[in-house]
């Protein structure tokens, strides 16, 4: 019998590319680390000069990475996709002649966008142009232009934001 670590090949297992462990969220962790590291460096630099900036950056990056990973783990893309597939047609912006397959990239842009951008402290409105670019890059065969898709993107963003403790984008939701 081998003592080698088994690699789990479940859908959405989020395997760590180095260790093979489940639950890796490099985007959420990286965004959290980068934004908190920059903040830590600024505070450390103001208080302790160059050495304080380095120490602040390291401490901020570690704590921010952990927070970013926590946000990413709170969002299950499979659950989000299933929710929107079951509920999209009841939304006030939904065009009944449009299929879920056309709306799906917009919803994905919203819930993945929240994971990607929530650590920046910017509101949805401040990063809407980034989300539009993400949607247009990844929309595949969807027939929805951004003017129609943005409502679904915002809806998915708001749903995830309500599920995660706190108000990361400070918009009062």
N, C-alpha and C. Protein backbone atom coordinates (compact mmCIF):
# COMPACT_ATOMS: atom_id res chain seq x y z
N UNK A 1 0.85 -1.18 0.00
CA UNK A 1 0.00 0.00 0.00
C UNK A 1 0.89 1.24 0.00
N UNK A 2 0.54 2.21 -0.77
CA UNK A 2 1.35 3.41 -0.91
C UNK A 2 0.93 4.48 0.08
N UNK A 3 1.90 5.23 0.57
CA UNK A 3 1.61 6.35 1.45
C UNK A 3 1.46 7.65 0.68
N UNK A 4 1.52 7.57 -0.62
CA UNK A 4 1.39 8.77 -1.44
C UNK A 4 0.04 9.42 -1.21
N UNK A 5 0.05 10.75 -1.21
CA UNK A 5 -1.19 11.51 -1.03
C UNK A 5 -2.08 11.30 -2.25
N UNK A 6 -3.34 10.98 -2.01
CA UNK A 6 -4.28 10.83 -3.11
C UNK A 6 -4.72 12.22 -3.55
N UNK A 7 -4.84 12.39 -4.84
CA UNK A 7 -5.36 13.63 -5.38
C UNK A 7 -6.85 13.46 -5.60
N UNK A 8 -7.62 14.40 -5.06
CA UNK A 8 -9.06 14.36 -5.19
C UNK A 8 -9.44 15.05 -6.49
N UNK A 9 -10.23 14.37 -7.30
CA UNK A 9 -10.65 14.95 -8.58
C UNK A 9 -12.15 15.14 -8.59
N UNK A 10 -12.64 15.92 -7.63
CA UNK A 10 -14.06 16.26 -7.59
C UNK A 10 -14.25 17.56 -8.34
N UNK A 11 -15.42 17.74 -8.95
CA UNK A 11 -15.67 19.04 -9.58
C UNK A 11 -15.62 20.12 -8.51
N UNK A 12 -15.03 21.25 -8.84
CA UNK A 12 -14.96 22.41 -7.94
C UNK A 12 -14.23 22.09 -6.65
N UNK A 13 -13.28 21.16 -6.64
CA UNK A 13 -12.52 20.86 -5.43
C UNK A 13 -11.52 21.96 -5.12
N UNK A 14 -11.26 22.84 -6.07
CA UNK A 14 -10.30 23.93 -5.88
C UNK A 14 -8.97 23.40 -5.35
N UNK A 15 -8.37 22.48 -6.10
CA UNK A 15 -7.12 21.87 -5.67
C UNK A 15 -5.98 22.88 -5.72
N UNK A 16 -5.16 22.87 -4.68
CA UNK A 16 -3.97 23.71 -4.63
C UNK A 16 -3.01 23.19 -5.69
N UNK A 17 -2.48 24.06 -6.55
CA UNK A 17 -1.61 23.58 -7.62
C UNK A 17 -0.29 22.99 -7.13
N UNK A 18 0.14 23.35 -5.93
CA UNK A 18 1.40 22.83 -5.41
C UNK A 18 1.22 21.61 -4.53
N UNK A 19 0.29 21.70 -3.57
CA UNK A 19 0.15 20.61 -2.59
C UNK A 19 -0.90 19.58 -2.98
N UNK A 20 -1.84 19.95 -3.86
CA UNK A 20 -2.93 19.04 -4.21
C UNK A 20 -4.05 19.04 -3.20
N UNK A 21 -3.94 19.84 -2.14
CA UNK A 21 -4.98 19.91 -1.11
C UNK A 21 -6.23 20.59 -1.66
N UNK A 22 -7.39 20.17 -1.15
CA UNK A 22 -8.65 20.81 -1.53
C UNK A 22 -8.75 22.17 -0.87
N UNK A 23 -9.53 23.05 -1.47
CA UNK A 23 -9.85 24.33 -0.86
C UNK A 23 -8.91 25.47 -1.22
N UNK A 24 -8.16 25.35 -2.28
CA UNK A 24 -7.28 26.44 -2.70
C UNK A 24 -8.11 27.51 -3.39
N UNK A 25 -7.83 28.75 -3.07
CA UNK A 25 -8.52 29.88 -3.69
C UNK A 25 -7.48 30.94 -4.01
N UNK A 26 -6.62 30.69 -5.00
CA UNK A 26 -5.52 31.61 -5.25
C UNK A 26 -5.94 33.03 -5.62
N UNK A 27 -7.05 33.19 -6.32
CA UNK A 27 -7.47 34.54 -6.69
C UNK A 27 -7.91 35.31 -5.45
N UNK A 28 -8.80 34.71 -4.66
CA UNK A 28 -9.26 35.38 -3.44
C UNK A 28 -8.12 35.65 -2.48
N UNK A 29 -7.25 34.68 -2.31
CA UNK A 29 -6.11 34.84 -1.42
C UNK A 29 -5.17 35.92 -1.94
N UNK A 30 -4.89 35.90 -3.23
CA UNK A 30 -3.98 36.88 -3.81
C UNK A 30 -4.51 38.29 -3.72
N UNK A 31 -5.79 38.46 -4.01
CA UNK A 31 -6.37 39.81 -3.94
C UNK A 31 -6.37 40.32 -2.51
N UNK A 32 -6.75 39.46 -1.58
CA UNK A 32 -6.72 39.86 -0.18
C UNK A 32 -5.32 40.21 0.27
N UNK A 33 -4.35 39.40 -0.12
CA UNK A 33 -2.96 39.65 0.27
C UNK A 33 -2.44 40.96 -0.33
N UNK A 34 -2.73 41.19 -1.59
CA UNK A 34 -2.22 42.39 -2.25
C UNK A 34 -2.81 43.66 -1.65
N UNK A 35 -4.13 43.67 -1.47
CA UNK A 35 -4.75 44.90 -0.96
C UNK A 35 -4.38 45.15 0.49
N UNK A 36 -4.38 44.12 1.33
CA UNK A 36 -4.03 44.31 2.73
C UNK A 36 -2.53 44.57 2.88
N UNK A 37 -1.71 43.96 2.03
CA UNK A 37 -0.27 44.20 2.07
C UNK A 37 0.05 45.65 1.77
N UNK A 38 -0.61 46.22 0.78
CA UNK A 38 -0.39 47.63 0.44
C UNK A 38 -0.82 48.54 1.58
N UNK A 39 -1.95 48.22 2.18
CA UNK A 39 -2.43 49.01 3.32
C UNK A 39 -1.45 48.90 4.48
N UNK A 40 -1.01 47.67 4.78
CA UNK A 40 -0.05 47.46 5.86
C UNK A 40 1.24 48.21 5.63
N UNK A 41 1.70 48.23 4.38
CA UNK A 41 2.93 48.95 4.06
C UNK A 41 2.77 50.45 4.28
N UNK A 42 1.63 50.98 3.88
CA UNK A 42 1.38 52.41 4.06
C UNK A 42 1.34 52.78 5.54
N UNK A 43 0.62 51.99 6.31
CA UNK A 43 0.53 52.27 7.76
C UNK A 43 1.88 52.08 8.42
N UNK A 44 2.54 50.96 8.11
CA UNK A 44 3.86 50.69 8.69
C UNK A 44 4.87 51.75 8.32
N UNK A 45 4.84 52.22 7.09
CA UNK A 45 5.76 53.26 6.65
C UNK A 45 5.52 54.58 7.36
N UNK A 46 4.27 54.90 7.59
CA UNK A 46 3.94 56.15 8.29
C UNK A 46 4.39 56.10 9.74
N UNK A 47 4.30 54.94 10.35
CA UNK A 47 4.64 54.81 11.77
C UNK A 47 6.12 54.49 11.98
N UNK A 48 6.65 53.58 11.18
CA UNK A 48 8.01 53.09 11.45
C UNK A 48 9.00 53.29 10.34
N UNK A 49 8.71 54.15 9.38
CA UNK A 49 9.65 54.38 8.30
C UNK A 49 9.78 53.18 7.38
N UNK A 50 10.91 53.05 6.67
CA UNK A 50 11.09 51.96 5.72
C UNK A 50 10.98 50.56 6.34
N UNK A 51 11.55 50.38 7.53
CA UNK A 51 11.45 49.07 8.18
C UNK A 51 9.99 48.79 8.55
N UNK A 52 9.30 49.78 9.04
CA UNK A 52 7.88 49.62 9.37
C UNK A 52 7.05 49.29 8.15
N UNK A 53 7.42 49.86 7.01
CA UNK A 53 6.70 49.58 5.77
C UNK A 53 6.85 48.12 5.38
N UNK A 54 8.06 47.58 5.51
CA UNK A 54 8.30 46.18 5.16
C UNK A 54 7.53 45.26 6.10
N UNK A 55 7.63 45.53 7.40
CA UNK A 55 6.92 44.71 8.39
C UNK A 55 5.41 44.82 8.18
N UNK A 56 4.91 46.03 7.95
CA UNK A 56 3.48 46.23 7.70
C UNK A 56 3.00 45.50 6.47
N UNK A 57 3.82 45.51 5.42
CA UNK A 57 3.44 44.82 4.18
C UNK A 57 3.33 43.31 4.40
N UNK A 58 4.29 42.75 5.11
CA UNK A 58 4.27 41.30 5.37
C UNK A 58 3.06 40.92 6.22
N UNK A 59 2.85 41.62 7.31
CA UNK A 59 1.73 41.30 8.20
C UNK A 59 0.41 41.52 7.47
N UNK A 60 0.30 42.62 6.73
CA UNK A 60 -0.93 42.89 5.98
C UNK A 60 -1.19 41.85 4.91
N UNK A 61 -0.16 41.41 4.21
CA UNK A 61 -0.33 40.42 3.15
C UNK A 61 -0.80 39.09 3.71
N UNK A 62 -0.23 38.66 4.81
CA UNK A 62 -0.63 37.38 5.41
C UNK A 62 -2.08 37.45 5.88
N UNK A 63 -2.43 38.48 6.63
CA UNK A 63 -3.81 38.56 7.13
C UNK A 63 -4.80 38.78 5.99
N UNK A 64 -4.43 39.60 5.01
CA UNK A 64 -5.31 39.83 3.86
C UNK A 64 -5.51 38.58 3.03
N UNK A 65 -4.47 37.79 2.88
CA UNK A 65 -4.58 36.53 2.15
C UNK A 65 -5.56 35.59 2.81
N UNK A 66 -5.53 35.54 4.13
CA UNK A 66 -6.46 34.68 4.86
C UNK A 66 -7.90 35.17 4.71
N UNK A 67 -8.09 36.47 4.77
CA UNK A 67 -9.44 37.03 4.59
C UNK A 67 -9.91 36.77 3.16
N UNK A 68 -9.06 37.00 2.17
CA UNK A 68 -9.42 36.76 0.78
C UNK A 68 -9.80 35.31 0.53
N UNK A 69 -9.06 34.39 1.13
CA UNK A 69 -9.38 32.97 0.98
C UNK A 69 -10.73 32.67 1.61
N UNK A 70 -11.02 33.30 2.75
CA UNK A 70 -12.31 33.09 3.42
C UNK A 70 -13.48 33.53 2.55
N UNK A 71 -13.34 34.67 1.89
CA UNK A 71 -14.40 35.14 1.00
C UNK A 71 -14.57 34.17 -0.16
N UNK A 72 -13.47 33.73 -0.74
CA UNK A 72 -13.55 32.80 -1.87
C UNK A 72 -14.20 31.49 -1.46
N UNK A 73 -13.91 31.00 -0.25
CA UNK A 73 -14.50 29.74 0.20
C UNK A 73 -15.99 29.88 0.49
N UNK A 74 -16.45 31.09 0.80
CA UNK A 74 -17.86 31.30 1.12
C UNK A 74 -18.73 31.25 -0.13
N UNK A 75 -18.12 31.31 -1.30
CA UNK A 75 -18.86 31.34 -2.55
C UNK A 75 -18.63 30.03 -3.31
N UNK A 76 -19.69 29.29 -3.47
CA UNK A 76 -19.62 28.01 -4.19
C UNK A 76 -20.23 28.22 -5.57
N UNK A 77 -19.41 28.23 -6.62
CA UNK A 77 -19.92 28.49 -7.97
C UNK A 77 -21.01 27.52 -8.40
N UNK A 78 -20.93 26.28 -7.95
CA UNK A 78 -21.94 25.29 -8.33
C UNK A 78 -23.29 25.66 -7.73
N UNK A 79 -23.28 26.08 -6.47
CA UNK A 79 -24.51 26.50 -5.79
C UNK A 79 -25.07 27.75 -6.45
N UNK A 80 -24.20 28.70 -6.74
CA UNK A 80 -24.65 29.95 -7.36
C UNK A 80 -25.27 29.68 -8.74
N UNK A 81 -24.62 28.85 -9.54
CA UNK A 81 -25.14 28.55 -10.86
C UNK A 81 -26.51 27.87 -10.76
N UNK A 82 -26.64 26.92 -9.85
CA UNK A 82 -27.93 26.22 -9.68
C UNK A 82 -29.02 27.20 -9.23
N UNK A 83 -28.67 28.10 -8.31
CA UNK A 83 -29.66 29.09 -7.83
C UNK A 83 -30.16 29.95 -9.00
N UNK A 84 -29.22 30.48 -9.78
CA UNK A 84 -29.63 31.39 -10.85
C UNK A 84 -30.36 30.65 -11.96
N UNK A 85 -30.00 29.42 -12.22
CA UNK A 85 -30.70 28.65 -13.25
C UNK A 85 -32.16 28.46 -12.85
N UNK A 86 -32.40 28.27 -11.56
CA UNK A 86 -33.77 28.08 -11.07
C UNK A 86 -34.54 29.37 -10.92
N UNK A 87 -33.84 30.50 -10.77
CA UNK A 87 -34.52 31.75 -10.42
C UNK A 87 -34.42 32.88 -11.43
N UNK A 88 -33.60 32.72 -12.45
CA UNK A 88 -33.38 33.87 -13.35
C UNK A 88 -34.67 34.38 -13.99
N UNK A 89 -35.56 33.48 -14.36
CA UNK A 89 -36.76 33.90 -15.11
C UNK A 89 -37.73 34.72 -14.26
N UNK A 90 -37.58 34.70 -12.94
CA UNK A 90 -38.46 35.47 -12.07
C UNK A 90 -37.91 36.86 -11.76
N UNK A 91 -36.73 37.18 -12.25
CA UNK A 91 -36.11 38.47 -11.96
C UNK A 91 -36.76 39.55 -12.82
N UNK A 92 -36.91 40.77 -12.28
CA UNK A 92 -37.62 41.83 -13.02
C UNK A 92 -36.97 42.23 -14.34
N UNK A 93 -35.69 42.04 -14.49
CA UNK A 93 -35.00 42.41 -15.72
C UNK A 93 -35.01 41.29 -16.76
N UNK A 94 -35.45 40.09 -16.37
CA UNK A 94 -35.35 38.92 -17.26
C UNK A 94 -36.27 39.06 -18.46
N UNK A 95 -35.71 38.79 -19.60
CA UNK A 95 -36.45 38.75 -20.86
C UNK A 95 -36.85 37.29 -21.06
N UNK A 96 -38.13 37.03 -21.06
CA UNK A 96 -38.62 35.64 -21.13
C UNK A 96 -38.27 34.94 -22.45
N UNK A 97 -37.88 35.69 -23.45
CA UNK A 97 -37.48 35.06 -24.71
C UNK A 97 -35.99 34.68 -24.73
N UNK A 98 -35.29 34.97 -23.63
CA UNK A 98 -33.86 34.69 -23.54
C UNK A 98 -33.64 33.51 -22.61
N UNK A 99 -32.77 32.59 -23.00
CA UNK A 99 -32.53 31.38 -22.20
C UNK A 99 -31.54 31.65 -21.07
N UNK A 100 -31.51 30.71 -20.13
CA UNK A 100 -30.54 30.81 -19.04
C UNK A 100 -29.12 30.80 -19.58
N UNK A 101 -28.87 30.05 -20.63
CA UNK A 101 -27.53 29.97 -21.19
C UNK A 101 -27.01 31.34 -21.60
N UNK A 102 -27.92 32.25 -22.00
CA UNK A 102 -27.50 33.61 -22.32
C UNK A 102 -27.22 34.44 -21.07
N UNK A 103 -27.97 34.20 -20.00
CA UNK A 103 -27.77 34.94 -18.75
C UNK A 103 -26.62 34.39 -17.92
N UNK A 104 -26.31 33.11 -18.05
CA UNK A 104 -25.34 32.46 -17.18
C UNK A 104 -23.99 33.17 -17.10
N UNK A 105 -23.38 33.61 -18.22
CA UNK A 105 -22.10 34.31 -18.09
C UNK A 105 -22.20 35.62 -17.30
N UNK A 106 -23.35 36.27 -17.37
CA UNK A 106 -23.53 37.51 -16.62
C UNK A 106 -23.60 37.22 -15.12
N UNK A 107 -24.33 36.18 -14.75
CA UNK A 107 -24.37 35.80 -13.33
C UNK A 107 -22.99 35.39 -12.84
N UNK A 108 -22.30 34.59 -13.63
CA UNK A 108 -20.95 34.15 -13.25
C UNK A 108 -20.02 35.35 -13.07
N UNK A 109 -20.14 36.33 -13.96
CA UNK A 109 -19.33 37.54 -13.83
C UNK A 109 -19.62 38.23 -12.50
N UNK A 110 -20.87 38.23 -12.06
CA UNK A 110 -21.21 38.87 -10.80
C UNK A 110 -20.66 38.15 -9.59
N UNK A 111 -20.89 36.83 -9.48
CA UNK A 111 -20.42 36.15 -8.27
C UNK A 111 -18.92 35.92 -8.28
N UNK A 112 -18.33 35.69 -9.45
CA UNK A 112 -16.87 35.59 -9.48
C UNK A 112 -16.23 36.97 -9.32
N UNK A 113 -16.88 37.98 -9.85
CA UNK A 113 -16.38 39.34 -9.69
C UNK A 113 -16.35 39.78 -8.25
N UNK A 114 -17.37 39.38 -7.49
CA UNK A 114 -17.37 39.73 -6.07
C UNK A 114 -16.15 39.11 -5.39
N UNK A 115 -15.87 37.85 -5.70
CA UNK A 115 -14.70 37.18 -5.14
C UNK A 115 -13.42 37.91 -5.55
N UNK A 116 -13.35 38.32 -6.79
CA UNK A 116 -12.14 38.95 -7.32
C UNK A 116 -11.94 40.36 -6.80
N UNK A 117 -13.02 41.16 -6.69
CA UNK A 117 -12.87 42.58 -6.41
C UNK A 117 -13.30 43.04 -5.03
N UNK A 118 -13.95 42.20 -4.25
CA UNK A 118 -14.47 42.67 -2.96
C UNK A 118 -13.37 43.13 -2.02
N UNK A 119 -12.20 42.57 -2.12
CA UNK A 119 -11.10 42.96 -1.24
C UNK A 119 -10.52 44.33 -1.54
N UNK A 120 -10.93 44.94 -2.64
CA UNK A 120 -10.39 46.25 -3.01
C UNK A 120 -11.04 47.38 -2.22
N UNK A 121 -12.19 47.11 -1.61
CA UNK A 121 -12.91 48.15 -0.89
C UNK A 121 -13.70 49.07 -1.80
N UNK A 122 -13.69 48.80 -3.10
CA UNK A 122 -14.44 49.63 -4.05
C UNK A 122 -15.86 49.11 -4.16
N UNK A 123 -16.77 50.01 -4.45
CA UNK A 123 -18.18 49.63 -4.62
C UNK A 123 -18.38 49.00 -5.99
N UNK A 124 -19.52 48.36 -6.15
CA UNK A 124 -19.87 47.77 -7.45
C UNK A 124 -19.77 48.83 -8.54
N UNK A 125 -20.31 50.00 -8.27
CA UNK A 125 -20.31 51.07 -9.28
C UNK A 125 -18.89 51.47 -9.68
N UNK A 126 -17.96 51.41 -8.74
CA UNK A 126 -16.58 51.79 -9.05
C UNK A 126 -15.85 50.75 -9.89
N UNK A 127 -16.29 49.50 -9.85
CA UNK A 127 -15.62 48.46 -10.61
C UNK A 127 -16.48 47.91 -11.75
N UNK A 128 -17.61 48.58 -12.01
CA UNK A 128 -18.49 48.09 -13.07
C UNK A 128 -17.77 47.99 -14.42
N UNK A 129 -16.90 48.93 -14.73
CA UNK A 129 -16.17 48.86 -16.01
C UNK A 129 -15.29 47.60 -16.07
N UNK A 130 -14.70 47.23 -14.94
CA UNK A 130 -13.89 46.00 -14.89
C UNK A 130 -14.78 44.78 -15.11
N UNK A 131 -15.95 44.79 -14.49
CA UNK A 131 -16.89 43.68 -14.66
C UNK A 131 -17.38 43.59 -16.10
N UNK A 132 -17.62 44.74 -16.71
CA UNK A 132 -18.03 44.74 -18.11
C UNK A 132 -16.95 44.11 -18.99
N UNK A 133 -15.72 44.50 -18.74
CA UNK A 133 -14.60 43.92 -19.51
C UNK A 133 -14.54 42.40 -19.28
N UNK A 134 -14.69 41.97 -18.00
CA UNK A 134 -14.67 40.54 -17.69
C UNK A 134 -15.79 39.82 -18.42
N UNK A 135 -16.99 40.40 -18.39
CA UNK A 135 -18.13 39.78 -19.06
C UNK A 135 -17.87 39.66 -20.55
N UNK A 136 -17.45 40.74 -21.16
CA UNK A 136 -17.26 40.72 -22.61
C UNK A 136 -16.13 39.77 -23.03
N UNK A 137 -15.16 39.57 -22.16
CA UNK A 137 -14.08 38.63 -22.44
C UNK A 137 -14.55 37.18 -22.32
N UNK A 138 -15.46 36.92 -21.38
CA UNK A 138 -15.83 35.54 -21.03
C UNK A 138 -17.28 35.17 -21.34
N UNK A 139 -17.97 35.95 -22.12
CA UNK A 139 -19.39 35.69 -22.34
C UNK A 139 -19.67 34.54 -23.30
N UNK A 140 -18.66 34.11 -24.01
CA UNK A 140 -18.84 32.98 -24.92
C UNK A 140 -19.87 33.27 -25.98
N UNK A 141 -20.89 32.40 -26.09
CA UNK A 141 -21.91 32.52 -27.14
C UNK A 141 -23.15 33.27 -26.68
N UNK A 142 -23.09 33.89 -25.51
CA UNK A 142 -24.26 34.63 -25.01
C UNK A 142 -24.64 35.73 -25.98
N UNK A 143 -25.95 35.88 -26.19
CA UNK A 143 -26.46 36.92 -27.08
C UNK A 143 -26.74 38.23 -26.35
N UNK A 144 -26.48 38.27 -25.04
CA UNK A 144 -26.75 39.48 -24.27
C UNK A 144 -25.59 40.45 -24.34
N UNK A 145 -25.88 41.67 -24.74
CA UNK A 145 -24.89 42.73 -24.63
C UNK A 145 -24.82 43.20 -23.19
N UNK A 146 -23.83 43.99 -22.86
CA UNK A 146 -23.62 44.43 -21.48
C UNK A 146 -24.83 45.18 -20.92
N UNK A 147 -25.50 45.99 -21.72
CA UNK A 147 -26.63 46.77 -21.21
C UNK A 147 -27.73 45.88 -20.63
N UNK A 148 -27.91 44.68 -21.15
CA UNK A 148 -28.88 43.74 -20.59
C UNK A 148 -28.23 42.84 -19.55
N UNK A 149 -27.00 42.47 -19.78
CA UNK A 149 -26.31 41.54 -18.88
C UNK A 149 -25.97 42.18 -17.54
N UNK A 150 -25.75 43.48 -17.51
CA UNK A 150 -25.27 44.11 -16.28
C UNK A 150 -26.26 43.97 -15.12
N UNK A 151 -27.54 43.85 -15.42
CA UNK A 151 -28.53 43.69 -14.35
C UNK A 151 -28.37 42.33 -13.66
N UNK A 152 -28.11 41.30 -14.44
CA UNK A 152 -27.89 39.97 -13.88
C UNK A 152 -26.56 39.94 -13.12
N UNK A 153 -25.55 40.61 -13.64
CA UNK A 153 -24.25 40.67 -12.97
C UNK A 153 -24.40 41.34 -11.61
N UNK A 154 -25.11 42.45 -11.58
CA UNK A 154 -25.32 43.16 -10.31
C UNK A 154 -26.13 42.32 -9.34
N UNK A 155 -27.13 41.62 -9.83
CA UNK A 155 -27.97 40.76 -9.01
C UNK A 155 -27.13 39.66 -8.33
N UNK A 156 -26.25 39.03 -9.11
CA UNK A 156 -25.41 37.97 -8.56
C UNK A 156 -24.40 38.54 -7.56
N UNK A 157 -23.84 39.70 -7.85
CA UNK A 157 -22.91 40.38 -6.94
C UNK A 157 -23.62 40.64 -5.61
N UNK A 158 -24.82 41.23 -5.69
CA UNK A 158 -25.57 41.57 -4.46
C UNK A 158 -25.93 40.33 -3.66
N UNK A 159 -26.30 39.25 -4.32
CA UNK A 159 -26.65 38.01 -3.60
C UNK A 159 -25.46 37.50 -2.80
N UNK A 160 -24.28 37.48 -3.41
CA UNK A 160 -23.09 37.01 -2.71
C UNK A 160 -22.71 37.98 -1.60
N UNK A 161 -22.80 39.26 -1.87
CA UNK A 161 -22.44 40.25 -0.85
C UNK A 161 -23.32 40.11 0.39
N UNK A 162 -24.60 39.83 0.19
CA UNK A 162 -25.51 39.64 1.34
C UNK A 162 -25.14 38.37 2.12
N UNK A 163 -24.59 37.38 1.45
CA UNK A 163 -24.26 36.10 2.11
C UNK A 163 -22.95 36.16 2.89
N UNK A 164 -22.07 37.09 2.54
CA UNK A 164 -20.77 37.20 3.19
C UNK A 164 -20.87 38.27 4.28
N UNK A 165 -20.42 37.96 5.50
CA UNK A 165 -20.51 38.95 6.58
C UNK A 165 -19.74 40.23 6.24
N UNK A 166 -20.29 41.36 6.66
CA UNK A 166 -19.64 42.64 6.44
C UNK A 166 -20.15 43.31 5.18
N UNK A 167 -19.60 44.47 4.91
CA UNK A 167 -19.96 45.25 3.73
C UNK A 167 -18.66 45.68 3.06
N UNK A 168 -18.06 44.73 2.35
CA UNK A 168 -16.71 44.95 1.83
C UNK A 168 -16.61 46.13 0.87
N UNK A 169 -17.68 46.43 0.14
CA UNK A 169 -17.58 47.54 -0.80
C UNK A 169 -18.21 48.82 -0.26
N UNK A 170 -18.60 48.78 1.00
CA UNK A 170 -19.10 49.98 1.72
C UNK A 170 -20.25 50.68 1.02
N UNK A 171 -21.15 49.88 0.41
CA UNK A 171 -22.29 50.49 -0.26
C UNK A 171 -23.58 50.38 0.55
N UNK A 172 -23.46 49.92 1.79
CA UNK A 172 -24.62 49.84 2.67
C UNK A 172 -25.49 48.61 2.48
N UNK A 173 -25.07 47.65 1.67
CA UNK A 173 -25.87 46.44 1.43
C UNK A 173 -25.37 45.32 2.30
